[in-house]
Structures are given as C-alpha cells and as structure tokens.
Amino acid sequence: PSVTMIAIGSSDDEERMMSAFHAGFEGFISKDAAAADFIAYIYNVVYGGPSRLKRLRPGRSRPLDEAGEALCRARYLTPREREVLFLLTEGANSRLLATQLSLSPHTVRSHIQNILAKLQVHSRLEAAAFATRFGIVDSNARANDRSPSRAQVAPA
C-alpha cells in the first residue's frame, strides 16, 4: 500500500510548495484553511488523483498553479523516461537516443509515447519545451554523463 503525503504550510510560500511537490508530496494546504476545507481537501487528494489536485488558501480553494500541475504530471516519469526527455531537450532524434542510451528504436519510441502521455503533450517538441519551461530536466546538467553536447546532436 502506498502512503499519500500532504504538506501543510503558509499559503503564500510558493517555494516551499514547489519543494513539497518535488519531494513527492501529493498536495499542499494552508495552515490557515478552515477545518471543513481541510477535510474536503484531504479527501480530494486521496481520492481525486493528481489531475485534480488543489492547493488551498485560507477560506477558499483554487486550482493548483500551472507549475505545480506540471510537477504533478512529471513525478510519474521513470528515471529512464527523464533521461530520454533530457536528451529530447538537447535536440536528440530517435536514432541518437537509441545509440546514446543503448536501446532499440522500438524501446525509444515506447519511452517517448509514455512521456507524451504522462506530460499530456502531443509532440516531442512540446515535451521538450514543457520540460525546460517547468524545470523538469536541468538543461545545464548531463543525465548520467551520457548525454551528448549540442555539437554532437544530429538534426532531426
């Protein structure tokens, strides 16, 4: 059985909220929220799933902001999918991905399809832009020191 974790903190502390999501928490609620809202929020997080996560501010709820929603989607990526996504942000095509990661073209295609589904995007370019925009992959880092430099990336 899995454990659902919800962080409690100051409603205006965006940095801590993002840290909580990065750390694997399913939700974030203000310590000033009304008791009824608090209970409803916990129910929503436990039974509503990541696409319906909400963050509560005192007195009312509002949808999780765009960055928080992106982090919720990205947390379901496997380490290998994150590695593939990193290489996509570097401009790698399928052939280079297969070579760089020692995978078959079919496996690369499967990873990419999984990434697109989990991030709820429609193309490789959209996935790369999404990852860069929301900091899902660090464009300055090298994924396990196996990613190519920009000079090594062949055009798609």
N, C-alpha and C. Protein backbone atom coordinates (compact mmCIF):
# COMPACT_ATOMS: atom_id res chain seq x y z
N PRO A 1 0.83 -1.20 0.00
CA PRO A 1 0.00 0.00 0.00
C PRO A 1 0.87 1.26 0.00
N SER A 2 0.43 2.25 -0.76
CA SER A 2 1.19 3.50 -0.82
C SER A 2 0.67 4.49 0.21
N VAL A 3 1.52 5.43 0.56
CA VAL A 3 1.17 6.46 1.53
C VAL A 3 1.00 7.77 0.79
N THR A 4 -0.07 8.48 1.06
CA THR A 4 -0.29 9.79 0.48
C THR A 4 0.16 10.84 1.46
N MET A 5 1.05 11.73 1.01
CA MET A 5 1.57 12.77 1.90
C MET A 5 1.06 14.13 1.43
N ILE A 6 0.63 14.94 2.39
CA ILE A 6 0.16 16.29 2.13
C ILE A 6 0.96 17.23 3.02
N ALA A 7 1.54 18.26 2.43
CA ALA A 7 2.31 19.25 3.20
C ALA A 7 1.38 20.34 3.70
N ILE A 8 1.67 20.86 4.87
CA ILE A 8 0.91 21.96 5.46
C ILE A 8 1.88 23.11 5.68
N GLY A 9 1.50 24.30 5.21
CA GLY A 9 2.40 25.44 5.36
C GLY A 9 1.70 26.75 5.11
N SER A 10 2.48 27.79 5.03
CA SER A 10 1.97 29.13 4.77
C SER A 10 1.46 29.20 3.34
N SER A 11 0.29 29.79 3.15
CA SER A 11 -0.34 29.81 1.83
C SER A 11 0.42 30.64 0.81
N ASP A 12 1.27 31.55 1.25
CA ASP A 12 1.98 32.39 0.30
C ASP A 12 3.41 31.93 0.07
N ASP A 13 3.74 30.74 0.51
CA ASP A 13 5.10 30.23 0.38
C ASP A 13 5.21 29.32 -0.84
N GLU A 14 5.27 29.93 -2.03
CA GLU A 14 5.32 29.18 -3.28
C GLU A 14 6.55 28.27 -3.35
N GLU A 15 7.68 28.75 -2.85
CA GLU A 15 8.92 27.96 -2.92
C GLU A 15 8.80 26.66 -2.12
N ARG A 16 8.23 26.76 -0.92
CA ARG A 16 8.06 25.55 -0.11
C ARG A 16 7.04 24.60 -0.75
N MET A 17 6.01 25.17 -1.36
CA MET A 17 5.02 24.34 -2.03
C MET A 17 5.68 23.54 -3.16
N MET A 18 6.50 24.21 -3.97
CA MET A 18 7.18 23.52 -5.07
C MET A 18 8.15 22.48 -4.52
N SER A 19 8.83 22.80 -3.43
CA SER A 19 9.75 21.84 -2.81
C SER A 19 8.99 20.60 -2.34
N ALA A 20 7.80 20.81 -1.80
CA ALA A 20 6.99 19.68 -1.33
C ALA A 20 6.62 18.76 -2.50
N PHE A 21 6.22 19.34 -3.63
CA PHE A 21 5.88 18.52 -4.79
C PHE A 21 7.10 17.79 -5.32
N HIS A 22 8.24 18.48 -5.37
CA HIS A 22 9.48 17.83 -5.81
C HIS A 22 9.85 16.67 -4.88
N ALA A 23 9.53 16.80 -3.60
CA ALA A 23 9.86 15.77 -2.62
C ALA A 23 8.87 14.61 -2.62
N GLY A 24 7.81 14.71 -3.42
CA GLY A 24 6.88 13.59 -3.54
C GLY A 24 5.56 13.76 -2.82
N PHE A 25 5.31 14.94 -2.24
CA PHE A 25 4.02 15.17 -1.59
C PHE A 25 2.94 15.26 -2.66
N GLU A 26 1.75 14.78 -2.33
CA GLU A 26 0.63 14.80 -3.26
C GLU A 26 -0.14 16.11 -3.24
N GLY A 27 0.00 16.87 -2.17
CA GLY A 27 -0.75 18.12 -2.07
C GLY A 27 -0.11 19.06 -1.08
N PHE A 28 -0.62 20.29 -1.08
CA PHE A 28 -0.13 21.33 -0.18
C PHE A 28 -1.35 22.12 0.28
N ILE A 29 -1.47 22.33 1.57
CA ILE A 29 -2.62 23.05 2.11
C ILE A 29 -2.13 24.10 3.09
N SER A 30 -2.85 25.22 3.10
CA SER A 30 -2.50 26.30 4.01
C SER A 30 -2.84 25.92 5.44
N LYS A 31 -1.95 26.29 6.35
CA LYS A 31 -2.21 26.02 7.77
C LYS A 31 -3.37 26.86 8.28
N ASP A 32 -3.78 27.88 7.51
CA ASP A 32 -4.88 28.75 7.90
C ASP A 32 -6.22 28.32 7.30
N ALA A 33 -6.26 27.20 6.59
CA ALA A 33 -7.50 26.75 5.96
C ALA A 33 -8.54 26.37 7.01
N ALA A 34 -9.81 26.59 6.67
CA ALA A 34 -10.91 26.21 7.57
C ALA A 34 -10.95 24.69 7.70
N ALA A 35 -11.42 24.19 8.83
CA ALA A 35 -11.44 22.75 9.10
C ALA A 35 -12.22 21.98 8.03
N ALA A 36 -13.37 22.49 7.62
CA ALA A 36 -14.18 21.81 6.60
C ALA A 36 -13.43 21.75 5.27
N ASP A 37 -12.76 22.85 4.91
CA ASP A 37 -11.97 22.87 3.67
C ASP A 37 -10.81 21.89 3.76
N PHE A 38 -10.20 21.83 4.94
CA PHE A 38 -9.07 20.94 5.16
C PHE A 38 -9.48 19.49 4.93
N ILE A 39 -10.61 19.09 5.50
CA ILE A 39 -11.10 17.72 5.36
C ILE A 39 -11.46 17.43 3.90
N ALA A 40 -12.14 18.38 3.26
CA ALA A 40 -12.52 18.20 1.85
C ALA A 40 -11.27 18.08 0.97
N TYR A 41 -10.26 18.87 1.28
CA TYR A 41 -9.02 18.85 0.52
C TYR A 41 -8.32 17.49 0.64
N ILE A 42 -8.24 16.99 1.86
CA ILE A 42 -7.61 15.69 2.08
C ILE A 42 -8.35 14.61 1.29
N TYR A 43 -9.66 14.64 1.34
CA TYR A 43 -10.46 13.68 0.58
C TYR A 43 -10.15 13.79 -0.91
N ASN A 44 -10.08 15.03 -1.42
CA ASN A 44 -9.80 15.26 -2.83
C ASN A 44 -8.44 14.71 -3.23
N VAL A 45 -7.43 14.94 -2.42
CA VAL A 45 -6.09 14.46 -2.74
C VAL A 45 -6.04 12.94 -2.71
N VAL A 46 -6.63 12.35 -1.69
CA VAL A 46 -6.59 10.89 -1.55
C VAL A 46 -7.39 10.20 -2.64
N TYR A 47 -8.56 10.72 -2.98
CA TYR A 47 -9.43 10.05 -3.93
C TYR A 47 -9.51 10.71 -5.30
N GLY A 48 -9.00 11.92 -5.42
CA GLY A 48 -9.14 12.65 -6.67
C GLY A 48 -8.04 12.44 -7.67
N GLY A 49 -6.85 12.06 -7.24
CA GLY A 49 -5.75 11.85 -8.17
C GLY A 49 -5.04 13.13 -8.53
N PRO A 50 -3.87 13.01 -9.15
CA PRO A 50 -3.02 14.16 -9.42
C PRO A 50 -3.63 15.19 -10.36
N SER A 51 -4.50 14.78 -11.29
CA SER A 51 -5.05 15.76 -12.22
C SER A 51 -6.07 16.68 -11.54
N ARG A 52 -6.51 16.33 -10.34
CA ARG A 52 -7.49 17.15 -9.63
C ARG A 52 -6.92 17.77 -8.36
N LEU A 53 -5.61 17.77 -8.22
CA LEU A 53 -5.02 18.36 -7.02
C LEU A 53 -5.36 19.84 -6.91
N LYS A 54 -5.58 20.27 -5.71
CA LYS A 54 -5.84 21.68 -5.45
C LYS A 54 -4.96 22.12 -4.30
N ARG A 55 -4.67 23.38 -4.31
CA ARG A 55 -3.94 23.96 -3.19
C ARG A 55 -4.92 24.92 -2.52
N LEU A 56 -5.02 24.87 -1.22
CA LEU A 56 -5.97 25.72 -0.51
C LEU A 56 -5.30 26.96 0.05
N ARG A 57 -5.96 28.06 -0.16
CA ARG A 57 -5.60 29.31 0.52
C ARG A 57 -6.67 29.52 1.58
N PRO A 58 -6.40 30.31 2.60
CA PRO A 58 -7.39 30.50 3.66
C PRO A 58 -8.76 30.87 3.11
N GLY A 59 -9.79 30.12 3.52
CA GLY A 59 -11.15 30.46 3.18
C GLY A 59 -11.67 29.92 1.87
N ARG A 60 -10.81 29.55 0.93
CA ARG A 60 -11.30 29.03 -0.34
C ARG A 60 -10.21 28.21 -1.03
N SER A 61 -10.65 27.42 -1.99
CA SER A 61 -9.68 26.65 -2.76
C SER A 61 -9.56 27.25 -4.15
N ARG A 62 -8.43 27.06 -4.76
CA ARG A 62 -8.25 27.45 -6.15
C ARG A 62 -7.39 26.37 -6.81
N PRO A 63 -7.50 26.21 -8.13
CA PRO A 63 -6.71 25.17 -8.77
C PRO A 63 -5.22 25.39 -8.54
N LEU A 64 -4.51 24.30 -8.50
CA LEU A 64 -3.07 24.35 -8.38
C LEU A 64 -2.51 25.15 -9.54
N ASP A 65 -1.52 25.97 -9.29
CA ASP A 65 -0.98 26.78 -10.38
C ASP A 65 -0.33 25.89 -11.43
N GLU A 66 -0.04 26.49 -12.57
CA GLU A 66 0.46 25.75 -13.73
C GLU A 66 1.75 24.97 -13.43
N ALA A 67 2.68 25.58 -12.72
CA ALA A 67 3.94 24.91 -12.40
C ALA A 67 3.70 23.71 -11.49
N GLY A 68 2.83 23.86 -10.52
CA GLY A 68 2.52 22.75 -9.63
C GLY A 68 1.86 21.60 -10.36
N GLU A 69 0.97 21.93 -11.28
CA GLU A 69 0.31 20.90 -12.09
C GLU A 69 1.34 20.17 -12.95
N ALA A 70 2.29 20.91 -13.50
CA ALA A 70 3.35 20.30 -14.32
C ALA A 70 4.18 19.33 -13.49
N LEU A 71 4.52 19.74 -12.28
CA LEU A 71 5.30 18.86 -11.41
C LEU A 71 4.52 17.60 -11.05
N CYS A 72 3.21 17.74 -10.87
CA CYS A 72 2.39 16.57 -10.57
C CYS A 72 2.44 15.57 -11.72
N ARG A 73 2.36 16.08 -12.95
CA ARG A 73 2.42 15.19 -14.11
C ARG A 73 3.80 14.54 -14.22
N ALA A 74 4.84 15.33 -14.02
CA ALA A 74 6.21 14.86 -14.23
C ALA A 74 6.66 13.84 -13.19
N ARG A 75 6.05 13.84 -12.03
CA ARG A 75 6.52 12.92 -10.99
C ARG A 75 6.28 11.46 -11.34
N TYR A 76 5.46 11.19 -12.35
CA TYR A 76 5.21 9.82 -12.77
C TYR A 76 6.18 9.33 -13.83
N LEU A 77 7.11 10.18 -14.26
CA LEU A 77 8.12 9.76 -15.22
C LEU A 77 9.14 8.85 -14.52
N THR A 78 9.52 7.79 -15.20
CA THR A 78 10.57 6.92 -14.66
C THR A 78 11.93 7.59 -14.85
N PRO A 79 12.95 7.12 -14.15
CA PRO A 79 14.28 7.70 -14.36
C PRO A 79 14.73 7.60 -15.82
N ARG A 80 14.43 6.49 -16.50
CA ARG A 80 14.81 6.35 -17.91
C ARG A 80 14.03 7.33 -18.79
N GLU A 81 12.75 7.52 -18.49
CA GLU A 81 11.96 8.49 -19.25
C GLU A 81 12.50 9.90 -19.05
N ARG A 82 12.95 10.22 -17.84
CA ARG A 82 13.55 11.53 -17.59
C ARG A 82 14.84 11.68 -18.40
N GLU A 83 15.59 10.60 -18.51
CA GLU A 83 16.82 10.63 -19.29
C GLU A 83 16.51 10.87 -20.78
N VAL A 84 15.51 10.18 -21.29
CA VAL A 84 15.08 10.38 -22.68
C VAL A 84 14.59 11.81 -22.87
N LEU A 85 13.81 12.30 -21.92
CA LEU A 85 13.29 13.66 -22.00
C LEU A 85 14.43 14.68 -21.99
N PHE A 86 15.43 14.45 -21.16
CA PHE A 86 16.59 15.34 -21.14
C PHE A 86 17.24 15.40 -22.51
N LEU A 87 17.44 14.24 -23.13
CA LEU A 87 18.07 14.21 -24.44
C LEU A 87 17.19 14.87 -25.50
N LEU A 88 15.87 14.76 -25.35
CA LEU A 88 14.97 15.46 -26.26
C LEU A 88 15.15 16.98 -26.14
N THR A 89 15.35 17.46 -24.91
CA THR A 89 15.56 18.90 -24.73
C THR A 89 16.88 19.34 -25.35
N GLU A 90 17.80 18.40 -25.52
CA GLU A 90 19.09 18.69 -26.15
C GLU A 90 19.01 18.59 -27.67
N GLY A 91 17.84 18.17 -28.19
CA GLY A 91 17.65 18.10 -29.64
C GLY A 91 17.92 16.74 -30.26
N ALA A 92 18.07 15.71 -29.45
CA ALA A 92 18.38 14.38 -29.97
C ALA A 92 17.20 13.80 -30.74
N ASN A 93 17.50 13.14 -31.86
CA ASN A 93 16.46 12.43 -32.61
C ASN A 93 16.42 10.98 -32.13
N SER A 94 15.50 10.20 -32.66
CA SER A 94 15.32 8.81 -32.19
C SER A 94 16.56 7.97 -32.39
N ARG A 95 17.22 8.13 -33.51
CA ARG A 95 18.42 7.34 -33.78
C ARG A 95 19.51 7.63 -32.75
N LEU A 96 19.72 8.91 -32.46
CA LEU A 96 20.73 9.28 -31.47
C LEU A 96 20.33 8.80 -30.07
N LEU A 97 19.05 8.91 -29.75
CA LEU A 97 18.57 8.41 -28.45
C LEU A 97 18.88 6.92 -28.31
N ALA A 98 18.57 6.15 -29.35
CA ALA A 98 18.80 4.71 -29.30
C ALA A 98 20.29 4.41 -29.12
N THR A 99 21.12 5.12 -29.86
CA THR A 99 22.57 4.90 -29.76
C THR A 99 23.10 5.33 -28.40
N GLN A 100 22.73 6.54 -28.00
CA GLN A 100 23.25 7.12 -26.76
C GLN A 100 22.86 6.30 -25.53
N LEU A 101 21.64 5.75 -25.54
CA LEU A 101 21.13 5.03 -24.37
C LEU A 101 21.21 3.51 -24.52
N SER A 102 21.77 3.06 -25.63
CA SER A 102 21.88 1.62 -25.92
C SER A 102 20.52 0.93 -25.86
N LEU A 103 19.57 1.52 -26.59
CA LEU A 103 18.21 0.99 -26.64
C LEU A 103 17.83 0.68 -28.08
N SER A 104 16.84 -0.16 -28.25
CA SER A 104 16.32 -0.42 -29.59
C SER A 104 15.43 0.76 -29.99
N PRO A 105 15.25 0.99 -31.30
CA PRO A 105 14.35 2.06 -31.74
C PRO A 105 12.93 1.88 -31.20
N HIS A 106 12.49 0.64 -31.09
CA HIS A 106 11.14 0.37 -30.55
C HIS A 106 11.04 0.83 -29.09
N THR A 107 12.07 0.56 -28.30
CA THR A 107 12.07 0.97 -26.89
C THR A 107 12.09 2.49 -26.78
N VAL A 108 12.87 3.14 -27.63
CA VAL A 108 12.90 4.61 -27.64
C VAL A 108 11.50 5.15 -27.94
N ARG A 109 10.86 4.58 -28.95
CA ARG A 109 9.51 5.01 -29.33
C ARG A 109 8.54 4.82 -28.16
N SER A 110 8.66 3.69 -27.46
CA SER A 110 7.79 3.44 -26.29
C SER A 110 8.02 4.46 -25.19
N HIS A 111 9.29 4.77 -24.90
CA HIS A 111 9.59 5.77 -23.88
C HIS A 111 9.00 7.13 -24.26
N ILE A 112 9.14 7.50 -25.52
CA ILE A 112 8.63 8.80 -25.97
C ILE A 112 7.10 8.83 -25.87
N GLN A 113 6.44 7.76 -26.28
CA GLN A 113 4.98 7.71 -26.16
C GLN A 113 4.54 7.82 -24.70
N ASN A 114 5.26 7.16 -23.80
CA ASN A 114 4.94 7.25 -22.37
C ASN A 114 5.13 8.67 -21.85
N ILE A 115 6.21 9.31 -22.27
CA ILE A 115 6.48 10.69 -21.85
C ILE A 115 5.36 11.61 -22.31
N LEU A 116 4.97 11.49 -23.58
CA LEU A 116 3.91 12.35 -24.11
C LEU A 116 2.61 12.14 -23.35
N ALA A 117 2.28 10.89 -23.05
CA ALA A 117 1.04 10.60 -22.32
C ALA A 117 1.10 11.15 -20.89
N LYS A 118 2.21 10.92 -20.20
CA LYS A 118 2.31 11.36 -18.81
C LYS A 118 2.33 12.87 -18.67
N LEU A 119 2.97 13.56 -19.62
CA LEU A 119 3.02 15.02 -19.56
C LEU A 119 1.80 15.67 -20.20
N GLN A 120 0.97 14.86 -20.85
CA GLN A 120 -0.23 15.34 -21.53
C GLN A 120 0.12 16.37 -22.60
N VAL A 121 1.11 16.02 -23.43
CA VAL A 121 1.51 16.84 -24.57
C VAL A 121 1.40 16.00 -25.83
N HIS A 122 1.55 16.63 -27.00
CA HIS A 122 1.28 15.94 -28.25
C HIS A 122 2.49 15.72 -29.15
N SER A 123 3.62 16.29 -28.82
CA SER A 123 4.79 16.12 -29.68
C SER A 123 6.07 16.13 -28.85
N ARG A 124 7.14 15.68 -29.47
CA ARG A 124 8.45 15.70 -28.82
C ARG A 124 8.87 17.13 -28.49
N LEU A 125 8.62 18.01 -29.44
CA LEU A 125 8.98 19.41 -29.24
C LEU A 125 8.21 20.01 -28.07
N GLU A 126 6.93 19.70 -28.00
CA GLU A 126 6.12 20.19 -26.89
C GLU A 126 6.60 19.61 -25.56
N ALA A 127 7.00 18.34 -25.56
CA ALA A 127 7.53 17.72 -24.34
C ALA A 127 8.83 18.39 -23.91
N ALA A 128 9.71 18.67 -24.86
CA ALA A 128 10.98 19.32 -24.55
C ALA A 128 10.75 20.73 -24.02
N ALA A 129 9.84 21.46 -24.65
CA ALA A 129 9.53 22.82 -24.19
C ALA A 129 8.91 22.80 -22.79
N PHE A 130 8.01 21.86 -22.56
CA PHE A 130 7.36 21.69 -21.26
C PHE A 130 8.40 21.42 -20.18
N ALA A 131 9.31 20.49 -20.47
CA ALA A 131 10.35 20.11 -19.50
C ALA A 131 11.27 21.27 -19.18
N THR A 132 11.63 22.03 -20.19
CA THR A 132 12.51 23.18 -19.99
C THR A 132 11.79 24.28 -19.23
N ARG A 133 10.57 24.57 -19.62
CA ARG A 133 9.79 25.65 -19.00
C ARG A 133 9.58 25.42 -17.51
N PHE A 134 9.28 24.18 -17.14
CA PHE A 134 8.95 23.89 -15.75
C PHE A 134 10.09 23.27 -14.95
N GLY A 135 11.27 23.22 -15.55
CA GLY A 135 12.43 22.73 -14.82
C GLY A 135 12.39 21.24 -14.50
N ILE A 136 11.71 20.48 -15.32
CA ILE A 136 11.61 19.04 -15.08
C ILE A 136 12.95 18.37 -15.32
N VAL A 137 13.68 18.87 -16.30
CA VAL A 137 15.05 18.42 -16.52
C VAL A 137 15.94 19.64 -16.44
N ASP A 138 17.13 19.45 -15.95
CA ASP A 138 18.08 20.54 -15.83
C ASP A 138 18.88 20.62 -17.11
N SER A 139 18.63 21.66 -17.91
CA SER A 139 19.30 21.77 -19.20
C SER A 139 20.79 22.03 -19.07
N ASN A 140 21.26 22.40 -17.90
CA ASN A 140 22.70 22.63 -17.70
C ASN A 140 23.43 21.38 -17.23
N ALA A 141 22.68 20.39 -16.78
CA ALA A 141 23.29 19.16 -16.25
C ALA A 141 23.37 18.12 -17.35
N ARG A 142 24.10 17.09 -17.12
CA ARG A 142 24.21 15.97 -18.05
C ARG A 142 23.60 14.75 -17.38
N ALA A 143 22.60 14.15 -18.02
CA ALA A 143 21.91 12.98 -17.45
C ALA A 143 22.87 11.80 -17.41
N ASN A 144 23.32 11.48 -16.21
CA ASN A 144 24.24 10.36 -16.00
C ASN A 144 25.49 10.45 -16.86
N ASP A 145 25.89 11.67 -17.22
CA ASP A 145 27.08 11.91 -18.04
C ASP A 145 27.05 11.17 -19.37
N ARG A 146 25.86 10.81 -19.85
CA ARG A 146 25.77 10.09 -21.12
C ARG A 146 25.15 10.94 -22.21
N SER A 147 24.71 12.14 -21.88
CA SER A 147 24.05 12.95 -22.89
C SER A 147 25.07 13.62 -23.78
N PRO A 148 24.71 13.84 -25.03
CA PRO A 148 25.64 14.46 -25.96
C PRO A 148 25.71 15.96 -25.76
N SER A 149 26.78 16.55 -26.20
CA SER A 149 26.83 18.01 -26.22
C SER A 149 26.02 18.47 -27.41
N ARG A 150 25.70 19.73 -27.49
CA ARG A 150 24.91 20.23 -28.61
C ARG A 150 25.62 19.98 -29.94
N ALA A 151 26.93 20.01 -29.95
CA ALA A 151 27.68 19.77 -31.18
C ALA A 151 27.53 18.33 -31.66
N GLN A 152 27.26 17.41 -30.75
CA GLN A 152 27.13 16.00 -31.11
C GLN A 152 25.71 15.63 -31.53
N VAL A 153 24.75 16.50 -31.30
CA VAL A 153 23.36 16.18 -31.60
C VAL A 153 23.10 16.36 -33.08
N ALA A 154 22.67 15.29 -33.73
CA ALA A 154 22.35 15.36 -35.15
C ALA A 154 20.98 15.98 -35.33
N PRO A 155 20.77 16.74 -36.40
CA PRO A 155 19.45 17.32 -36.62
C PRO A 155 18.40 16.24 -36.84
N ALA A 156 17.17 16.52 -36.43
CA ALA A 156 16.09 15.53 -36.51
C ALA A 156 15.68 15.23 -37.92
